[in-house]
Every structure is written in C-alpha cells, then in structure tokens.
N, C-alpha and C. Protein backbone atom coordinates (compact mmCIF):
# COMPACT_ATOMS: atom_id res chain seq x y z
N UNK A 1 0.85 -1.16 0.00
CA UNK A 1 0.00 0.00 0.00
C UNK A 1 0.90 1.23 0.00
N UNK A 2 0.62 2.13 -0.86
CA UNK A 2 1.39 3.35 -1.01
C UNK A 2 0.76 4.44 -0.14
N UNK A 3 1.58 5.19 0.57
CA UNK A 3 1.04 6.25 1.42
C UNK A 3 0.32 7.32 0.60
N UNK A 4 0.68 7.44 -0.68
CA UNK A 4 -0.04 8.40 -1.54
C UNK A 4 -1.51 8.02 -1.66
N UNK A 5 -1.79 6.72 -1.69
CA UNK A 5 -3.18 6.28 -1.81
C UNK A 5 -4.00 6.76 -0.61
N UNK A 6 -3.40 6.70 0.57
CA UNK A 6 -4.09 7.19 1.78
C UNK A 6 -4.29 8.70 1.68
N UNK A 7 -3.27 9.40 1.20
CA UNK A 7 -3.37 10.86 1.03
C UNK A 7 -4.50 11.19 0.05
N UNK A 8 -4.57 10.47 -1.06
CA UNK A 8 -5.62 10.71 -2.04
C UNK A 8 -7.00 10.41 -1.44
N UNK A 9 -7.09 9.29 -0.72
CA UNK A 9 -8.35 8.93 -0.08
C UNK A 9 -8.81 10.05 0.86
N UNK A 10 -7.91 10.53 1.70
CA UNK A 10 -8.26 11.56 2.67
C UNK A 10 -8.71 12.85 1.98
N UNK A 11 -8.08 13.20 0.86
CA UNK A 11 -8.46 14.42 0.15
C UNK A 11 -9.85 14.28 -0.47
N UNK A 12 -10.14 13.11 -1.06
CA UNK A 12 -11.47 12.86 -1.63
C UNK A 12 -12.52 12.90 -0.52
N UNK A 13 -12.20 12.28 0.61
CA UNK A 13 -13.13 12.26 1.74
C UNK A 13 -13.39 13.68 2.25
N UNK A 14 -12.35 14.48 2.31
CA UNK A 14 -12.49 15.85 2.81
C UNK A 14 -13.34 16.70 1.87
N UNK A 15 -13.10 16.58 0.57
CA UNK A 15 -13.80 17.42 -0.39
C UNK A 15 -15.14 16.84 -0.84
N UNK A 16 -15.33 15.54 -0.65
CA UNK A 16 -16.59 14.91 -1.03
C UNK A 16 -16.79 14.77 -2.52
N UNK A 17 -15.70 14.90 -3.28
CA UNK A 17 -15.80 14.84 -4.73
C UNK A 17 -14.48 14.38 -5.32
N UNK A 18 -14.56 13.40 -6.20
CA UNK A 18 -13.33 12.95 -6.87
C UNK A 18 -12.85 14.02 -7.84
N UNK A 19 -13.75 14.69 -8.52
CA UNK A 19 -13.35 15.75 -9.45
C UNK A 19 -12.62 16.89 -8.74
N UNK A 20 -13.20 17.37 -7.64
CA UNK A 20 -12.55 18.47 -6.91
C UNK A 20 -11.21 18.03 -6.32
N UNK A 21 -11.16 16.81 -5.80
CA UNK A 21 -9.91 16.30 -5.24
C UNK A 21 -8.85 16.14 -6.33
N UNK A 22 -9.26 15.67 -7.50
CA UNK A 22 -8.32 15.51 -8.61
C UNK A 22 -7.72 16.85 -9.00
N UNK A 23 -8.57 17.86 -9.08
CA UNK A 23 -8.09 19.20 -9.41
C UNK A 23 -7.12 19.69 -8.34
N UNK A 24 -7.48 19.51 -7.08
CA UNK A 24 -6.64 19.94 -5.97
C UNK A 24 -5.30 19.20 -5.94
N UNK A 25 -5.33 17.92 -6.27
CA UNK A 25 -4.11 17.10 -6.25
C UNK A 25 -3.33 17.16 -7.56
N UNK A 26 -3.87 17.90 -8.53
CA UNK A 26 -3.25 18.04 -9.85
C UNK A 26 -3.12 16.69 -10.55
N UNK A 27 -4.21 15.91 -10.48
CA UNK A 27 -4.31 14.63 -11.17
C UNK A 27 -5.52 14.68 -12.08
N UNK A 28 -5.56 13.80 -13.06
CA UNK A 28 -6.78 13.70 -13.84
C UNK A 28 -7.80 12.91 -13.03
N UNK A 29 -9.08 13.14 -13.33
CA UNK A 29 -10.13 12.42 -12.60
C UNK A 29 -10.04 10.92 -12.81
N UNK A 30 -9.79 10.43 -14.05
CA UNK A 30 -9.66 8.98 -14.22
C UNK A 30 -8.48 8.38 -13.45
N UNK A 31 -7.38 9.10 -13.38
CA UNK A 31 -6.22 8.60 -12.63
C UNK A 31 -6.53 8.51 -11.15
N UNK A 32 -7.18 9.53 -10.60
CA UNK A 32 -7.53 9.49 -9.18
C UNK A 32 -8.54 8.38 -8.91
N UNK A 33 -9.49 8.18 -9.80
CA UNK A 33 -10.46 7.09 -9.64
C UNK A 33 -9.75 5.74 -9.62
N UNK A 34 -8.74 5.56 -10.47
CA UNK A 34 -7.98 4.30 -10.47
C UNK A 34 -7.22 4.12 -9.16
N UNK A 35 -6.65 5.19 -8.64
CA UNK A 35 -5.93 5.11 -7.36
C UNK A 35 -6.89 4.71 -6.23
N UNK A 36 -8.06 5.30 -6.21
CA UNK A 36 -9.05 4.96 -5.18
C UNK A 36 -9.49 3.52 -5.34
N UNK A 37 -9.72 3.08 -6.59
CA UNK A 37 -10.12 1.68 -6.84
C UNK A 37 -9.02 0.72 -6.39
N UNK A 38 -7.76 1.08 -6.60
CA UNK A 38 -6.65 0.24 -6.16
C UNK A 38 -6.62 0.14 -4.64
N UNK A 39 -6.81 1.27 -3.96
CA UNK A 39 -6.84 1.25 -2.50
C UNK A 39 -8.00 0.39 -2.00
N UNK A 40 -9.17 0.53 -2.61
CA UNK A 40 -10.31 -0.29 -2.23
C UNK A 40 -10.01 -1.77 -2.44
N UNK A 41 -9.32 -2.08 -3.51
CA UNK A 41 -8.97 -3.48 -3.78
C UNK A 41 -7.97 -4.00 -2.74
N UNK A 42 -6.96 -3.21 -2.45
CA UNK A 42 -5.95 -3.64 -1.48
C UNK A 42 -6.53 -3.84 -0.10
N UNK A 43 -7.48 -3.00 0.27
CA UNK A 43 -8.11 -3.11 1.59
C UNK A 43 -9.30 -4.07 1.59
N UNK A 44 -9.69 -4.50 0.39
CA UNK A 44 -10.84 -5.39 0.23
C UNK A 44 -12.11 -4.80 0.85
N UNK A 45 -12.30 -3.50 0.61
CA UNK A 45 -13.47 -2.81 1.15
C UNK A 45 -13.81 -1.63 0.25
N UNK A 46 -15.09 -1.41 0.05
CA UNK A 46 -15.54 -0.24 -0.69
C UNK A 46 -15.50 0.95 0.26
N UNK A 47 -14.81 2.01 -0.12
CA UNK A 47 -14.61 3.15 0.76
C UNK A 47 -15.60 4.29 0.52
N UNK A 48 -16.10 4.37 -0.71
CA UNK A 48 -17.01 5.46 -1.07
C UNK A 48 -18.25 4.91 -1.77
N UNK A 49 -19.35 5.61 -1.58
CA UNK A 49 -20.54 5.40 -2.39
C UNK A 49 -20.57 6.56 -3.36
N UNK A 50 -20.59 6.25 -4.64
CA UNK A 50 -20.61 7.31 -5.66
C UNK A 50 -22.05 7.77 -5.87
N UNK A 51 -22.24 9.09 -5.88
CA UNK A 51 -23.55 9.67 -6.13
C UNK A 51 -23.41 10.74 -7.21
N UNK A 52 -24.54 11.26 -7.66
CA UNK A 52 -24.47 12.32 -8.68
C UNK A 52 -23.78 13.57 -8.13
N UNK A 53 -23.94 13.82 -6.86
CA UNK A 53 -23.38 15.02 -6.26
C UNK A 53 -21.96 14.86 -5.73
N UNK A 54 -21.38 13.69 -5.88
CA UNK A 54 -20.03 13.46 -5.38
C UNK A 54 -19.90 12.07 -4.79
N UNK A 55 -19.21 11.99 -3.67
CA UNK A 55 -19.02 10.70 -3.01
C UNK A 55 -19.33 10.84 -1.52
N UNK A 56 -19.76 9.73 -0.93
CA UNK A 56 -19.98 9.67 0.51
C UNK A 56 -19.20 8.49 1.05
N UNK A 57 -18.67 8.64 2.24
CA UNK A 57 -17.93 7.55 2.86
C UNK A 57 -18.85 6.41 3.23
N UNK A 58 -18.40 5.20 2.99
CA UNK A 58 -19.09 4.02 3.50
C UNK A 58 -18.65 3.83 4.95
N UNK A 59 -19.18 2.82 5.59
CA UNK A 59 -18.74 2.53 6.96
C UNK A 59 -17.24 2.22 6.99
N UNK A 60 -16.77 1.45 6.02
CA UNK A 60 -15.34 1.13 5.96
C UNK A 60 -14.51 2.39 5.73
N UNK A 61 -15.01 3.28 4.87
CA UNK A 61 -14.31 4.54 4.61
C UNK A 61 -14.25 5.42 5.85
N UNK A 62 -15.33 5.45 6.60
CA UNK A 62 -15.36 6.22 7.84
C UNK A 62 -14.36 5.66 8.84
N UNK A 63 -14.31 4.34 8.94
CA UNK A 63 -13.36 3.71 9.86
C UNK A 63 -11.92 4.00 9.45
N UNK A 64 -11.64 3.92 8.16
CA UNK A 64 -10.28 4.21 7.68
C UNK A 64 -9.92 5.66 7.96
N UNK A 65 -10.87 6.55 7.71
CA UNK A 65 -10.59 7.98 7.95
C UNK A 65 -10.28 8.23 9.42
N UNK A 66 -10.98 7.56 10.30
CA UNK A 66 -10.72 7.71 11.73
C UNK A 66 -9.51 6.90 12.19
N UNK A 67 -9.05 5.97 11.35
CA UNK A 67 -7.89 5.16 11.70
C UNK A 67 -8.15 4.14 12.77
N UNK A 68 -9.40 3.63 12.83
CA UNK A 68 -9.76 2.72 13.91
C UNK A 68 -10.08 1.32 13.44
N UNK A 69 -9.51 0.88 12.35
CA UNK A 69 -9.82 -0.47 11.92
C UNK A 69 -8.69 -1.40 12.29
N UNK A 70 -9.03 -2.54 12.78
CA UNK A 70 -8.02 -3.54 13.06
C UNK A 70 -7.43 -4.11 11.78
N UNK A 71 -8.16 -3.94 10.67
CA UNK A 71 -7.74 -4.50 9.38
C UNK A 71 -6.71 -3.61 8.71
N UNK A 72 -6.92 -2.30 8.70
CA UNK A 72 -6.03 -1.42 7.95
C UNK A 72 -4.92 -0.82 8.79
N UNK A 73 -5.17 -0.60 10.05
CA UNK A 73 -4.17 0.07 10.88
C UNK A 73 -2.82 -0.66 10.91
N UNK A 74 -2.78 -1.98 11.10
CA UNK A 74 -1.49 -2.66 11.08
C UNK A 74 -0.79 -2.57 9.73
N UNK A 75 -1.57 -2.61 8.62
CA UNK A 75 -0.95 -2.52 7.30
C UNK A 75 -0.34 -1.14 7.08
N UNK A 76 -1.04 -0.09 7.51
CA UNK A 76 -0.52 1.26 7.36
C UNK A 76 0.72 1.43 8.25
N UNK A 77 0.65 0.94 9.48
CA UNK A 77 1.80 1.03 10.39
C UNK A 77 2.99 0.26 9.83
N UNK A 78 2.75 -0.91 9.26
CA UNK A 78 3.84 -1.71 8.69
C UNK A 78 4.48 -0.97 7.52
N UNK A 79 3.65 -0.34 6.71
CA UNK A 79 4.18 0.43 5.58
C UNK A 79 5.08 1.56 6.06
N UNK A 80 4.57 2.32 7.01
CA UNK A 80 5.34 3.46 7.50
C UNK A 80 6.63 3.01 8.19
N UNK A 81 6.58 1.90 8.92
CA UNK A 81 7.75 1.41 9.63
C UNK A 81 8.82 0.90 8.67
N UNK A 82 8.41 0.26 7.60
CA UNK A 82 9.38 -0.33 6.68
C UNK A 82 9.81 0.62 5.58
N UNK A 83 8.99 1.62 5.31
CA UNK A 83 9.22 2.56 4.21
C UNK A 83 9.26 1.84 2.87
N UNK A 84 8.74 0.62 2.83
CA UNK A 84 8.63 -0.13 1.59
C UNK A 84 7.16 -0.37 1.30
N UNK A 85 6.77 -0.29 0.03
CA UNK A 85 5.37 -0.55 -0.28
C UNK A 85 5.02 -2.01 -0.05
N UNK A 86 3.82 -2.25 0.47
CA UNK A 86 3.34 -3.61 0.59
C UNK A 86 2.99 -4.10 -0.81
N UNK A 87 3.22 -5.35 -1.08
CA UNK A 87 3.07 -5.90 -2.42
C UNK A 87 1.62 -5.83 -2.90
N UNK A 88 1.38 -5.07 -4.00
CA UNK A 88 0.03 -5.04 -4.54
C UNK A 88 -0.24 -6.26 -5.40
N UNK A 89 -1.47 -6.49 -5.69
CA UNK A 89 -1.86 -7.58 -6.59
C UNK A 89 -1.32 -7.26 -7.97
N UNK A 90 -0.50 -8.11 -8.51
CA UNK A 90 0.12 -7.84 -9.80
C UNK A 90 -0.85 -7.98 -10.97
N UNK A 91 -1.95 -8.68 -10.74
CA UNK A 91 -2.91 -8.87 -11.83
C UNK A 91 -4.01 -7.81 -11.80
N UNK A 92 -4.02 -6.92 -10.81
CA UNK A 92 -5.08 -5.93 -10.70
C UNK A 92 -4.86 -4.81 -11.70
N UNK A 93 -5.89 -4.47 -12.46
CA UNK A 93 -5.77 -3.45 -13.49
C UNK A 93 -6.68 -2.26 -13.27
N UNK A 94 -7.44 -2.25 -12.18
CA UNK A 94 -8.32 -1.13 -11.91
C UNK A 94 -9.78 -1.48 -12.07
N UNK A 95 -10.10 -2.68 -12.52
CA UNK A 95 -11.49 -3.07 -12.64
C UNK A 95 -12.04 -3.36 -11.25
N UNK A 96 -13.34 -3.50 -11.12
CA UNK A 96 -13.96 -3.71 -9.82
C UNK A 96 -13.48 -4.98 -9.13
N UNK A 97 -13.35 -6.07 -9.86
CA UNK A 97 -12.97 -7.34 -9.26
C UNK A 97 -11.56 -7.73 -9.66
N UNK A 98 -10.85 -8.28 -8.73
CA UNK A 98 -9.53 -8.80 -9.02
C UNK A 98 -9.71 -10.06 -9.87
N UNK A 99 -8.99 -10.19 -10.98
CA UNK A 99 -9.15 -11.36 -11.82
C UNK A 99 -8.78 -12.66 -11.11
N UNK A 100 -7.99 -12.58 -10.05
CA UNK A 100 -7.59 -13.78 -9.34
C UNK A 100 -8.62 -14.17 -8.29
N UNK A 101 -9.58 -13.27 -8.04
CA UNK A 101 -10.66 -13.51 -7.08
C UNK A 101 -10.14 -14.03 -5.75
N UNK A 102 -10.57 -15.18 -5.33
CA UNK A 102 -10.22 -15.68 -4.00
C UNK A 102 -8.75 -16.06 -3.87
N UNK A 103 -8.05 -16.23 -4.99
CA UNK A 103 -6.64 -16.59 -4.92
C UNK A 103 -5.76 -15.36 -4.73
N UNK A 104 -6.36 -14.19 -4.76
CA UNK A 104 -5.59 -12.95 -4.63
C UNK A 104 -5.05 -12.83 -3.20
N UNK A 105 -3.77 -12.58 -3.08
CA UNK A 105 -3.16 -12.45 -1.76
C UNK A 105 -2.50 -11.10 -1.56
N UNK A 106 -2.98 -10.12 -2.31
CA UNK A 106 -2.39 -8.79 -2.19
C UNK A 106 -2.78 -8.09 -0.92
C-alpha cells in the first residue's frame, strides 16, 4: 500500500468529490479514480458510495478515515515502519474485481 493512496483517499473524503480532489491534487479524474479503486482493492473494502453530487464515505471509509480499523491500521503502520510498499496484486488493473478472485493475496 502506497502512502499516496491514503493521502488521495483523505483528500477525496475531505472534499466529497473525486473531481474536486483531482483538481486539488493536480491529477486527472480517471487517474484518481484508479488510485481509489486500487486502495479499495488492497483493503478489500468499498470506501465510497458514488452519487451524482459526489461521493460519501461508507462505513469502511469512515473507519479508515478515523484510523480505527483492526484491518487497515497494522498494514498502514507496517508500511510506515518499513518505508517499503506492501506488495500489490500484480494482476489488478483497476477493474472492480480482481481477476484472481479468491486466490488474490495482495
């Protein structure tokens, strides 16, 4: 997991819009959407509900924002402690489902 993904997630959560966050982060909207999808895949949780007016945090997104999940907190701490990225799924391309499905160990 890349710390940039957490930074992008937090900015989208703060602004409530992928478009506004992309502009603020100087990224294209499709690129930011792919980064968010990758983070959701790595955490195996949907973080946002997309609406016409922007995005809203899901329960998992709210927990991640508060930093109170037993699932993500150790992974984030391990990343920061090692300064090395945790291995992402090599077959993940940004689609909703990992092609490896249950065999995915990312």
